[in-house]
Structure formats: C-alpha cells, structure tokens
Amino acid sequence: MVSSEVKVLVVDDDSFVRDMLAMILGTGGYDVTTAGNGADALSRYSREPGIGLVISDMNMPEMNGLELIRNLRGAEDDVPIVILTGNNEISVAVEALNSGASDYLLKDENIQDTLLLSAAKVLEKHHLKRQNLQLMRDLALKNSELEKSNGELLALNALKNKFLGIAAHDLRNPLTSIRGLSEILIGETFGPLTEEQKEYLTIINTTSDEMLSLVNDLLDVSVIESGKLELLIAPRSLKEVIEERIRMNTVVAERKGISLQSGLAGPDEVPDILFDAHRIAQVIDNLVGNAIKFSPPGSSLLISLAREGNAAKVSVCDEGPGIPPEERSKLFGEFQKLSVQPTGGERSTGLGLAIVKKIVDAHRGSLSVESQVGSGSTFSFFLPLDSGVEECGREQFGTHQEGK
C-alpha cells in the first residue's frame, strides 16, 4: 500500500512530540492529521473519513491510549493502531497488544526509523488481512452459489431419472409384444408369407429388438443413478459365469464369422468371490457384445480370466480397428459416440460401457482399456478377491448379501 494513499491520525498530548511525529510521517509521504488526547482523537476520527492508521501515545489526560483502543475496537473498527510510550516495561507492551494495538513502539532516539517501519508493516498486514477477508467472503458466496446450483442439478437429474424410468417402463411391454408377435409371424405360424412380408417383418423384429435393448439400458441407468441398484451378492464362481456368457454370445458371434476363444484360470488361481452374477453377466455381455460389434468378420475374440494381485481380472481382447487415444476418455460416458463404427452396421445405444463402469464401481472394482489403432482393443475389469464389496454396495447401491 502506497503511503500517500493513507491518512494518519497522530494522538499525543505533547505538542512538540505530536509535531515531530507528524513531520516524520510527512517525510514518509503520509497525509497527517493530529489530536491532543484520546477523546479529541475519537471525535476527529468520526468526523474525518479515510483515516487508515492511528498512532497514539499511551499516557494522556482525559482518555489514554488503552482507552482509545478499547473505544475503537468496541465500535468494531479494525483500523491499525500503533501505541507509543517512554515506558520500556514488557507488561505495558503486552497490555497494549492484548487490548487490540497493532504494534508497540518506544519513544527513543530511533523513533524516526522505527515509526516509518512500523507504519509500513502494520498497513501491509492490515491490507493483507482485508484481502483475505474479501477472498473468504467471495469464496463463501461462490460456495453458496455452487451448493444452490448443485442442488438444482441434483433435482433435475432425479427428475430426468424418474422420467427415463417411467418412459422406459411404459415402452418395454409393448416393445416386447411387438418383438414376440413379429417372431411368431416370421415363423409362418398363421400361414405362408411373401418375401416382401418376411422382409418387412424382419425389419420390425430387428428394430423392436434394438429399441428394447435401448429401453433396458435406460432403465438400468435410471436405477443406478437414482441409487436404487440392488446387488444380490453371494460367493460364486466367476469362471462359470464367464463360460455361460460365452455360450450365450457364440450364436451372435458366429453370425459375423467371429470365433470366441477363452483362457480361464481355474478355482486354484481364482477362487469363488462375492459378486452379483446377473450384473456381472451384464458387464461381460456388454464387453463381448461391443467387441463383436466392432470386430471384422473372420476375426477372433479372446475372453480371459486370471488373478492379478488381490483381484480377479476379466479381459475381452478383440482384433477390431482400435480406439484413437483422444477418444478413450469418452469411453465410459453416457450416450458417447466414437469415430469407429460397427463393422456390420449394428446400432449402439451409447450406454453399454457407462453401465459397465457403474456396475463394476458398485462392486468396488476397476476398469482398464488397452488399445492400438489398427490392432484391436482389450477391455478388462477387476473384482476384489476379498469381501469388501458387501460394505461398499450397502453404502452406495443398496446392496444386500444373499442368505443374510
């Protein structure tokens, strides 16, 4: 703070000392006004705006320096105050500082230097204090605004999840009927069909199946984000669940000429662990389904299970186009579309990997992706071998353990 910007009130009952102090401060560039005692100083302080520093003698008639401090501080005024005295007893300095003085100086032969140094020091400290207070007020205001915005966003997100849940639930039943009835008609249960009729019914069946997949994904997202996902935790063989999902996905893979291969560790390496079989099957289906979708005909997929540290590692490795590095951060977001396209014209909801991440997170697990453009990708998820998933699930996703 530049001294010329500061008005200083000098208070001393000795006119010689008062004038000397004013002169010293004047050489430092300060704007100086004076008072002969504490009472006069209070009156002048209230009448003259802009006083930024008070320098007062300790012992004065009518109102001494301590009383002046108490009056100013009692009015909740934080103006810096420097007390001057000829008494070098430490108790006097302690009393002044405890009363609210910013600094304490002796009237001695060094007063010219010490006064200017003290004035600069207390003003700088006061300036920093005010800056900090303003920053704290600004921060409190920003926090309040953020809390309000966060509350509004949470309310909107809850409304969105409720809407998605209702809409998806209302759509699922008619879509299931459309898909089922179209399959019956395609099977010529009610008589032979023309090729054109078969073509149209196949389109209806395929489209309704895709829509049903989207609806189911929307329902999953709605349940997970609303915090109502219930995991049915029980000790199970991860190897058996993977083998079942490989069998279920083989038909889809063979339609594209893709072979599914596996390398699964046995129970000696990966023992039974706690997880929700239905949800982990969903994770595997999403990862394998994605790999099939983006793999060229004639390629192979490798699904593996191994132990890595204190976790079971499940990996799905494909021979697809790979994922550009700049797009990998978007992989597990909702409704994300990447530059790579399915090799068979399949449609994607943009929700599969987002659901995978949320389910794995609910199991206190983790995900990793390794990919090289032109050489395929490997998606892996890790599940802890210990039983900590039960506590994590209960806290975050309303999990309960079967049999309890």
Protein backbone atom coordinates (compact mmCIF):
# COMPACT_ATOMS: atom_id res chain seq x y z
CA MET A 1 0.00 0.00 0.00
CA VAL A 2 1.48 3.40 -1.02
CA SER A 3 1.88 5.79 1.96
CA SER A 4 0.41 8.77 0.07
CA GLU A 5 -2.88 6.89 -0.07
CA VAL A 6 -3.09 6.72 3.73
CA LYS A 7 -4.30 9.37 6.17
CA VAL A 8 -2.68 9.01 9.61
CA LEU A 9 -4.14 10.31 12.89
CA VAL A 10 -1.36 11.18 15.38
CA VAL A 11 -2.51 11.43 19.01
CA ASP A 12 -0.25 12.92 21.72
CA ASP A 13 -0.80 15.47 24.49
CA ASP A 14 2.72 16.91 23.98
CA SER A 15 2.54 19.33 21.04
CA PHE A 16 6.29 19.09 20.41
CA VAL A 17 6.16 15.30 20.16
CA ARG A 18 2.96 15.50 18.14
CA ASP A 19 4.54 17.86 15.60
CA MET A 20 7.71 15.77 15.45
CA LEU A 21 5.76 12.61 14.73
CA ALA A 22 3.72 14.42 12.07
CA MET A 23 6.91 15.65 10.43
CA ILE A 24 8.45 12.16 10.40
CA LEU A 25 5.34 10.69 8.85
CA GLY A 26 5.18 13.56 6.38
CA THR A 27 8.67 12.68 5.12
CA GLY A 28 7.33 9.20 4.51
CA GLY A 29 4.62 10.61 2.27
CA TYR A 30 1.70 10.17 4.67
CA ASP A 31 -1.23 12.59 4.95
CA VAL A 32 -1.24 13.50 8.67
CA THR A 33 -3.91 14.89 10.99
CA THR A 34 -3.45 15.32 14.77
CA ALA A 35 -5.28 15.21 18.10
CA GLY A 36 -4.22 16.17 21.66
CA ASN A 37 -5.80 13.28 23.58
CA GLY A 38 -7.93 10.18 23.22
CA ALA A 39 -11.28 11.96 23.43
CA ASP A 40 -10.24 14.51 20.80
CA ALA A 41 -8.93 11.64 18.64
CA LEU A 42 -12.27 9.79 18.79
CA SER A 43 -14.12 12.93 17.77
CA ARG A 44 -11.72 13.65 14.90
CA TYR A 45 -11.78 10.01 13.77
CA SER A 46 -15.57 10.05 13.50
CA ARG A 47 -15.61 13.42 11.66
CA GLU A 48 -12.79 12.85 9.18
CA PRO A 49 -13.36 9.99 6.76
CA GLY A 50 -10.49 7.98 5.34
CA ILE A 51 -8.21 7.70 8.37
CA GLY A 52 -6.29 4.48 7.76
CA LEU A 53 -3.82 4.46 10.67
CA VAL A 54 -3.82 5.74 14.27
CA ILE A 55 -0.56 6.43 16.12
CA SER A 56 -1.21 7.24 19.76
CA ASP A 57 0.70 7.99 22.93
CA MET A 58 -0.03 5.65 25.83
CA ASN A 59 -0.31 8.16 28.68
CA MET A 60 -2.63 11.14 28.04
CA PRO A 61 -5.20 13.12 30.06
CA GLU A 62 -8.97 12.62 29.62
CA MET A 63 -8.53 9.38 27.65
CA ASN A 64 -5.28 7.42 27.44
CA GLY A 65 -4.08 5.19 24.63
CA LEU A 66 -5.58 1.99 26.04
CA GLU A 67 -9.00 3.60 26.42
CA LEU A 68 -8.76 4.91 22.87
CA ILE A 69 -8.01 1.39 21.61
CA ARG A 70 -10.93 -0.09 23.53
CA ASN A 71 -13.33 2.56 22.22
CA LEU A 72 -12.28 1.99 18.61
CA ARG A 73 -12.32 -1.80 18.92
CA GLY A 74 -15.61 -1.68 20.81
CA ALA A 75 -17.12 0.02 17.78
CA GLU A 76 -15.83 -2.97 15.75
CA ASP A 77 -13.34 -0.76 13.93
CA ASP A 78 -10.28 -2.63 12.71
CA VAL A 79 -8.14 0.43 11.87
CA PRO A 80 -4.46 -0.31 12.63
CA ILE A 81 -3.27 1.33 15.88
CA VAL A 82 0.37 1.86 16.90
CA ILE A 83 0.98 2.72 20.57
CA LEU A 84 3.94 4.92 21.61
CA THR A 85 5.38 5.20 25.13
CA GLY A 86 8.53 6.07 27.01
CA ASN A 87 8.00 3.07 29.32
CA ASN A 88 10.05 0.08 28.20
CA GLU A 89 8.44 -2.42 30.56
CA ILE A 90 7.26 -5.52 28.74
CA SER A 91 3.98 -5.62 30.68
CA VAL A 92 2.96 -2.30 29.14
CA ALA A 93 3.55 -3.63 25.62
CA VAL A 94 1.62 -6.83 26.39
CA GLU A 95 -1.33 -4.85 27.77
CA ALA A 96 -1.43 -2.64 24.67
CA LEU A 97 -1.27 -5.56 22.25
CA ASN A 98 -3.86 -7.53 24.21
CA SER A 99 -6.19 -4.53 24.07
CA GLY A 100 -6.03 -4.52 20.28
CA ALA A 101 -2.96 -2.48 19.32
CA SER A 102 -1.30 -3.49 16.05
CA ASP A 103 2.21 -2.56 17.21
CA TYR A 104 4.08 -1.02 20.14
CA LEU A 105 7.00 1.45 19.88
CA LEU A 106 9.33 3.19 22.34
CA LYS A 107 9.88 6.93 22.11
CA ASP A 108 13.65 6.85 21.80
CA GLU A 109 16.42 8.15 19.56
CA ASN A 110 15.46 5.64 16.84
CA ILE A 111 11.85 6.77 16.59
CA GLN A 112 12.26 8.25 13.11
CA ASP A 113 13.25 4.89 11.64
CA THR A 114 11.07 2.65 13.80
CA LEU A 115 7.95 4.77 13.26
CA LEU A 116 8.11 4.59 9.46
CA LEU A 117 8.96 0.88 9.52
CA SER A 118 6.09 0.14 11.93
CA ALA A 119 3.61 2.18 9.89
CA ALA A 120 4.54 0.35 6.69
CA LYS A 121 4.42 -3.04 8.43
CA VAL A 122 1.03 -2.67 10.12
CA LEU A 123 -0.53 -1.15 7.00
CA GLU A 124 0.71 -4.03 4.84
CA LYS A 125 -0.56 -6.55 7.39
CA HIS A 126 -3.93 -4.79 7.54
CA HIS A 127 -4.13 -4.70 3.75
CA LEU A 128 -3.44 -8.44 3.51
CA LYS A 129 -5.97 -9.15 6.26
CA ARG A 130 -8.66 -7.26 4.35
CA GLN A 131 -7.74 -9.05 1.14
CA ASN A 132 -8.04 -12.40 2.91
CA LEU A 133 -11.40 -11.45 4.41
CA GLN A 134 -12.66 -10.40 0.98
CA LEU A 135 -11.41 -13.63 -0.54
CA MET A 136 -13.16 -15.59 2.20
CA ARG A 137 -16.39 -13.67 1.58
CA ASP A 138 -16.07 -14.26 -2.17
CA LEU A 139 -15.35 -17.95 -1.56
CA ALA A 140 -18.35 -18.27 0.77
CA LEU A 141 -20.54 -16.62 -1.87
CA LYS A 142 -19.22 -18.92 -4.60
CA ASN A 143 -19.72 -21.96 -2.37
CA SER A 144 -23.28 -20.86 -1.69
CA GLU A 145 -23.92 -20.41 -5.40
CA LEU A 146 -22.33 -23.79 -6.18
CA GLU A 147 -24.39 -25.51 -3.48
CA LYS A 148 -27.53 -23.95 -4.92
CA SER A 149 -26.56 -24.96 -8.47
CA ASN A 150 -25.60 -28.44 -7.30
CA GLY A 151 -28.95 -28.82 -5.55
CA GLU A 152 -30.76 -27.73 -8.70
CA LEU A 153 -28.70 -30.13 -10.82
CA LEU A 154 -29.38 -33.00 -8.42
CA ALA A 155 -33.10 -32.23 -8.55
CA LEU A 156 -33.03 -32.08 -12.36
CA ASN A 157 -31.03 -35.31 -12.52
CA ALA A 158 -33.51 -37.04 -10.22
CA LEU A 159 -36.36 -35.76 -12.40
CA LYS A 160 -34.55 -37.00 -15.51
CA ASN A 161 -34.02 -40.44 -13.96
CA LYS A 162 -37.67 -40.59 -12.92
CA PHE A 163 -38.80 -39.63 -16.42
CA LEU A 164 -36.45 -42.15 -18.05
CA GLY A 165 -37.63 -44.86 -15.70
CA ILE A 166 -41.31 -44.18 -16.33
CA ALA A 167 -40.88 -43.78 -20.09
CA ALA A 168 -38.72 -46.88 -20.44
CA HIS A 169 -41.03 -48.96 -18.26
CA ASP A 170 -44.09 -47.92 -20.27
CA LEU A 171 -42.30 -48.71 -23.54
CA ARG A 172 -40.90 -52.09 -22.57
CA ASN A 173 -44.15 -54.07 -22.51
CA PRO A 174 -45.44 -53.00 -25.95
CA LEU A 175 -41.98 -53.46 -27.47
CA THR A 176 -41.76 -56.95 -26.02
CA SER A 177 -45.14 -57.73 -27.56
CA ILE A 178 -44.12 -56.32 -30.95
CA ARG A 179 -40.92 -58.35 -30.95
CA GLY A 180 -42.66 -61.55 -29.84
CA LEU A 181 -45.54 -61.25 -32.30
CA SER A 182 -43.23 -60.41 -35.20
CA GLU A 183 -41.21 -63.56 -34.43
CA ILE A 184 -44.40 -65.63 -34.48
CA LEU A 185 -45.41 -64.13 -37.84
CA ILE A 186 -41.93 -64.65 -39.30
CA GLY A 187 -42.24 -68.31 -38.31
CA GLU A 188 -45.34 -68.50 -40.59
CA THR A 189 -47.48 -69.77 -37.72
CA PHE A 190 -50.56 -68.28 -39.38
CA GLY A 191 -49.70 -69.24 -42.92
CA PRO A 192 -47.07 -68.66 -45.59
CA LEU A 193 -45.60 -65.19 -46.20
CA THR A 194 -44.34 -63.48 -49.31
CA GLU A 195 -40.67 -62.49 -49.41
CA GLU A 196 -41.68 -58.84 -49.09
CA GLN A 197 -43.77 -59.59 -45.98
CA LYS A 198 -40.87 -61.52 -44.45
CA GLU A 199 -38.52 -58.62 -45.17
CA TYR A 200 -40.82 -56.08 -43.50
CA LEU A 201 -41.47 -58.33 -40.50
CA THR A 202 -37.74 -58.92 -40.10
CA ILE A 203 -37.18 -55.15 -40.06
CA ILE A 204 -39.94 -54.78 -37.44
CA ASN A 205 -38.42 -57.56 -35.34
CA THR A 206 -34.86 -56.23 -35.57
CA THR A 207 -35.90 -52.65 -34.84
CA SER A 208 -38.08 -53.63 -31.88
CA ASP A 209 -35.20 -55.72 -30.53
CA GLU A 210 -32.85 -52.73 -30.78
CA MET A 211 -35.43 -50.47 -29.15
CA LEU A 212 -35.96 -52.99 -26.35
CA SER A 213 -32.21 -53.05 -25.77
CA LEU A 214 -32.18 -49.25 -25.53
CA VAL A 215 -35.16 -49.27 -23.15
CA ASN A 216 -33.47 -51.83 -20.91
CA ASP A 217 -30.29 -49.74 -20.89
CA LEU A 218 -32.28 -46.62 -19.98
CA LEU A 219 -33.95 -48.50 -17.12
CA ASP A 220 -30.56 -49.65 -15.86
CA VAL A 221 -29.14 -46.12 -15.97
CA SER A 222 -32.21 -44.77 -14.20
CA VAL A 223 -31.97 -47.36 -11.41
CA ILE A 224 -28.21 -46.96 -10.97
CA GLU A 225 -28.17 -43.15 -10.94
CA SER A 226 -31.09 -42.98 -8.53
CA GLY A 227 -29.05 -45.05 -6.07
CA LYS A 228 -31.59 -47.89 -6.09
CA LEU A 229 -29.44 -50.56 -7.72
CA GLU A 230 -29.72 -53.69 -5.59
CA LEU A 231 -26.86 -56.14 -5.91
CA LEU A 232 -27.59 -59.75 -4.95
CA ILE A 233 -24.19 -60.55 -3.53
CA ALA A 234 -23.17 -64.18 -2.98
CA PRO A 235 -19.98 -66.25 -3.31
CA ARG A 236 -19.86 -67.62 -6.86
CA SER A 237 -17.51 -68.97 -9.49
CA LEU A 238 -16.58 -66.19 -11.89
CA LYS A 239 -15.27 -68.82 -14.32
CA GLU A 240 -18.71 -70.48 -14.55
CA VAL A 241 -20.46 -67.15 -15.22
CA ILE A 242 -17.96 -66.34 -17.99
CA GLU A 243 -18.38 -69.76 -19.59
CA GLU A 244 -22.16 -69.32 -19.62
CA ARG A 245 -21.88 -65.86 -21.24
CA ILE A 246 -19.51 -67.22 -23.89
CA ARG A 247 -22.10 -69.86 -24.81
CA MET A 248 -24.85 -67.22 -24.97
CA ASN A 249 -22.78 -64.89 -27.18
CA THR A 250 -21.42 -67.56 -29.51
CA VAL A 251 -24.53 -67.51 -31.75
CA VAL A 252 -24.25 -63.74 -32.33
CA ALA A 253 -20.51 -64.01 -32.98
CA GLU A 254 -20.92 -66.86 -35.48
CA ARG A 255 -23.40 -64.80 -37.49
CA LYS A 256 -20.48 -62.47 -38.26
CA GLY A 257 -17.97 -65.29 -38.68
CA ILE A 258 -16.21 -64.35 -35.45
CA SER A 259 -14.83 -67.06 -33.17
CA LEU A 260 -14.87 -66.77 -29.39
CA GLN A 261 -11.86 -68.21 -27.60
CA SER A 262 -11.21 -68.39 -23.88
CA GLY A 263 -8.37 -68.74 -21.43
CA LEU A 264 -9.91 -69.09 -17.99
CA ALA A 265 -8.00 -69.69 -14.78
CA GLY A 266 -9.30 -72.45 -12.53
CA PRO A 267 -10.52 -72.24 -8.92
CA ASP A 268 -6.99 -72.76 -7.55
CA GLU A 269 -5.96 -69.42 -9.04
CA VAL A 270 -9.28 -67.55 -8.85
CA PRO A 271 -11.48 -68.89 -6.02
CA ASP A 272 -15.17 -68.12 -5.58
CA ILE A 273 -15.69 -64.44 -4.80
CA LEU A 274 -18.59 -62.22 -3.77
CA PHE A 275 -20.46 -60.63 -6.68
CA ASP A 276 -23.88 -60.27 -8.28
CA ALA A 277 -23.97 -62.93 -11.01
CA HIS A 278 -26.71 -61.22 -13.03
CA ARG A 279 -24.98 -57.83 -13.07
CA ILE A 280 -21.51 -59.22 -13.80
CA ALA A 281 -23.05 -61.29 -16.61
CA GLN A 282 -24.41 -57.99 -17.92
CA VAL A 283 -20.90 -56.50 -17.79
CA ILE A 284 -19.45 -59.45 -19.71
CA ASP A 285 -22.27 -59.34 -22.28
CA ASN A 286 -21.70 -55.64 -22.87
CA LEU A 287 -17.94 -56.05 -23.31
CA VAL A 288 -18.25 -59.12 -25.54
CA GLY A 289 -21.16 -57.59 -27.47
CA ASN A 290 -19.14 -54.43 -28.10
CA ALA A 291 -16.15 -56.47 -29.25
CA ILE A 292 -18.33 -58.45 -31.68
CA LYS A 293 -19.92 -55.25 -32.93
CA PHE A 294 -16.59 -53.61 -33.80
CA SER A 295 -14.66 -56.70 -34.99
CA PRO A 296 -14.34 -57.65 -38.66
CA PRO A 297 -15.73 -60.98 -39.97
CA GLY A 298 -13.24 -63.81 -39.69
CA SER A 299 -11.53 -62.38 -36.61
CA SER A 300 -11.29 -63.85 -33.11
CA LEU A 301 -12.13 -62.65 -29.61
CA LEU A 302 -10.27 -63.85 -26.55
CA ILE A 303 -12.07 -63.81 -23.19
CA SER A 304 -9.70 -64.49 -20.31
CA LEU A 305 -9.80 -64.82 -16.53
CA ALA A 306 -6.70 -64.54 -14.36
CA ARG A 307 -5.60 -63.43 -10.93
CA GLU A 308 -3.74 -60.15 -10.69
CA GLY A 309 -2.64 -59.25 -7.19
CA ASN A 310 -5.66 -59.38 -4.90
CA ALA A 311 -8.15 -59.15 -7.76
CA ALA A 312 -9.77 -61.32 -10.40
CA LYS A 313 -9.09 -59.88 -13.87
CA VAL A 314 -11.54 -60.50 -16.72
CA SER A 315 -10.40 -59.34 -20.17
CA VAL A 316 -12.03 -59.20 -23.59
CA CYS A 317 -9.49 -58.81 -26.40
CA ASP A 318 -10.58 -58.13 -29.98
CA GLU A 319 -8.97 -57.63 -33.39
CA GLY A 320 -11.02 -54.56 -34.26
CA PRO A 321 -9.94 -51.14 -35.50
CA GLY A 322 -8.76 -49.89 -32.10
CA ILE A 323 -9.68 -46.64 -30.38
CA PRO A 324 -7.91 -43.33 -31.07
CA PRO A 325 -6.12 -42.03 -27.93
CA GLU A 326 -8.07 -38.75 -27.96
CA GLU A 327 -11.39 -40.63 -27.72
CA ARG A 328 -10.57 -43.00 -24.86
CA SER A 329 -11.61 -40.52 -22.16
CA LYS A 330 -15.16 -40.63 -23.58
CA LEU A 331 -15.49 -44.41 -23.50
CA PHE A 332 -17.45 -44.75 -20.26
CA GLY A 333 -19.66 -41.68 -20.60
CA GLU A 334 -23.37 -41.88 -21.36
CA PHE A 335 -24.55 -41.54 -24.99
CA GLN A 336 -20.97 -41.26 -26.28
CA LYS A 337 -20.36 -41.93 -29.96
CA LEU A 338 -16.85 -42.62 -31.26
CA SER A 339 -15.38 -42.27 -34.72
CA VAL A 340 -15.01 -46.05 -35.13
CA GLN A 341 -18.14 -47.69 -36.49
CA PRO A 342 -19.62 -51.19 -36.04
CA THR A 343 -18.38 -53.48 -38.81
CA GLY A 344 -21.81 -55.00 -39.53
CA GLY A 345 -23.92 -51.85 -39.43
CA GLU A 346 -25.13 -52.63 -35.89
CA ARG A 347 -26.62 -49.83 -33.82
CA SER A 348 -25.29 -48.70 -30.47
CA THR A 349 -27.18 -47.00 -27.64
CA GLY A 350 -24.05 -45.32 -26.28
CA LEU A 351 -24.96 -46.59 -22.81
CA GLY A 352 -23.36 -50.04 -22.62
CA LEU A 353 -19.92 -49.04 -21.35
CA ALA A 354 -21.41 -46.43 -18.99
CA ILE A 355 -23.48 -49.20 -17.40
CA VAL A 356 -20.41 -51.45 -17.26
CA LYS A 357 -18.49 -48.83 -15.31
CA LYS A 358 -21.32 -48.19 -12.85
CA ILE A 359 -21.78 -51.91 -12.14
CA VAL A 360 -18.05 -52.51 -11.70
CA ASP A 361 -17.81 -49.45 -9.43
CA ALA A 362 -20.67 -50.86 -7.35
CA HIS A 363 -18.56 -53.99 -6.82
CA ARG A 364 -15.63 -51.82 -5.71
CA GLY A 365 -13.82 -52.91 -8.83
CA SER A 366 -11.98 -51.06 -11.59
CA LEU A 367 -11.65 -50.96 -15.38
CA SER A 368 -8.79 -50.63 -17.82
CA VAL A 369 -8.51 -50.21 -21.58
CA GLU A 370 -5.56 -51.01 -23.81
CA SER A 371 -5.91 -50.15 -27.47
CA GLN A 372 -3.82 -49.53 -30.53
CA VAL A 373 -5.32 -48.11 -33.69
CA GLY A 374 -5.40 -50.85 -36.32
CA SER A 375 -4.55 -53.63 -33.86
CA GLY A 376 -7.61 -54.04 -31.66
CA SER A 377 -8.54 -53.31 -28.05
CA THR A 378 -8.54 -55.08 -24.70
CA PHE A 379 -11.15 -54.13 -22.11
CA SER A 380 -10.54 -55.51 -18.61
CA PHE A 381 -12.38 -55.30 -15.33
CA PHE A 382 -11.09 -56.22 -11.91
CA LEU A 383 -13.08 -57.54 -8.94
CA PRO A 384 -11.54 -57.72 -5.45
CA LEU A 385 -10.99 -61.20 -4.07
CA ASP A 386 -11.85 -60.06 -0.54
CA SER A 387 -15.40 -59.48 0.74
CA GLY A 388 -15.22 -55.69 0.97
CA VAL A 389 -17.76 -55.39 -1.85
CA GLU A 390 -20.63 -56.03 0.56
CA GLU A 391 -19.87 -52.93 2.63
CA CYS A 392 -19.27 -50.80 -0.47
CA GLY A 393 -22.52 -51.96 -2.05
CA ARG A 394 -24.58 -51.26 1.02
CA GLU A 395 -23.21 -47.79 1.32
CA GLN A 396 -23.57 -46.75 -2.30
CA PHE A 397 -26.02 -49.00 -4.06
CA GLY A 398 -28.36 -50.59 -1.51
CA THR A 399 -26.63 -53.95 -1.77
CA HIS A 400 -27.53 -56.94 0.35
CA GLN A 401 -25.92 -60.34 0.66
CA GLU A 402 -27.96 -63.44 -0.05
CA GLY A 403 -28.69 -65.60 2.96
CA LYS A 404 -28.48 -62.72 5.45
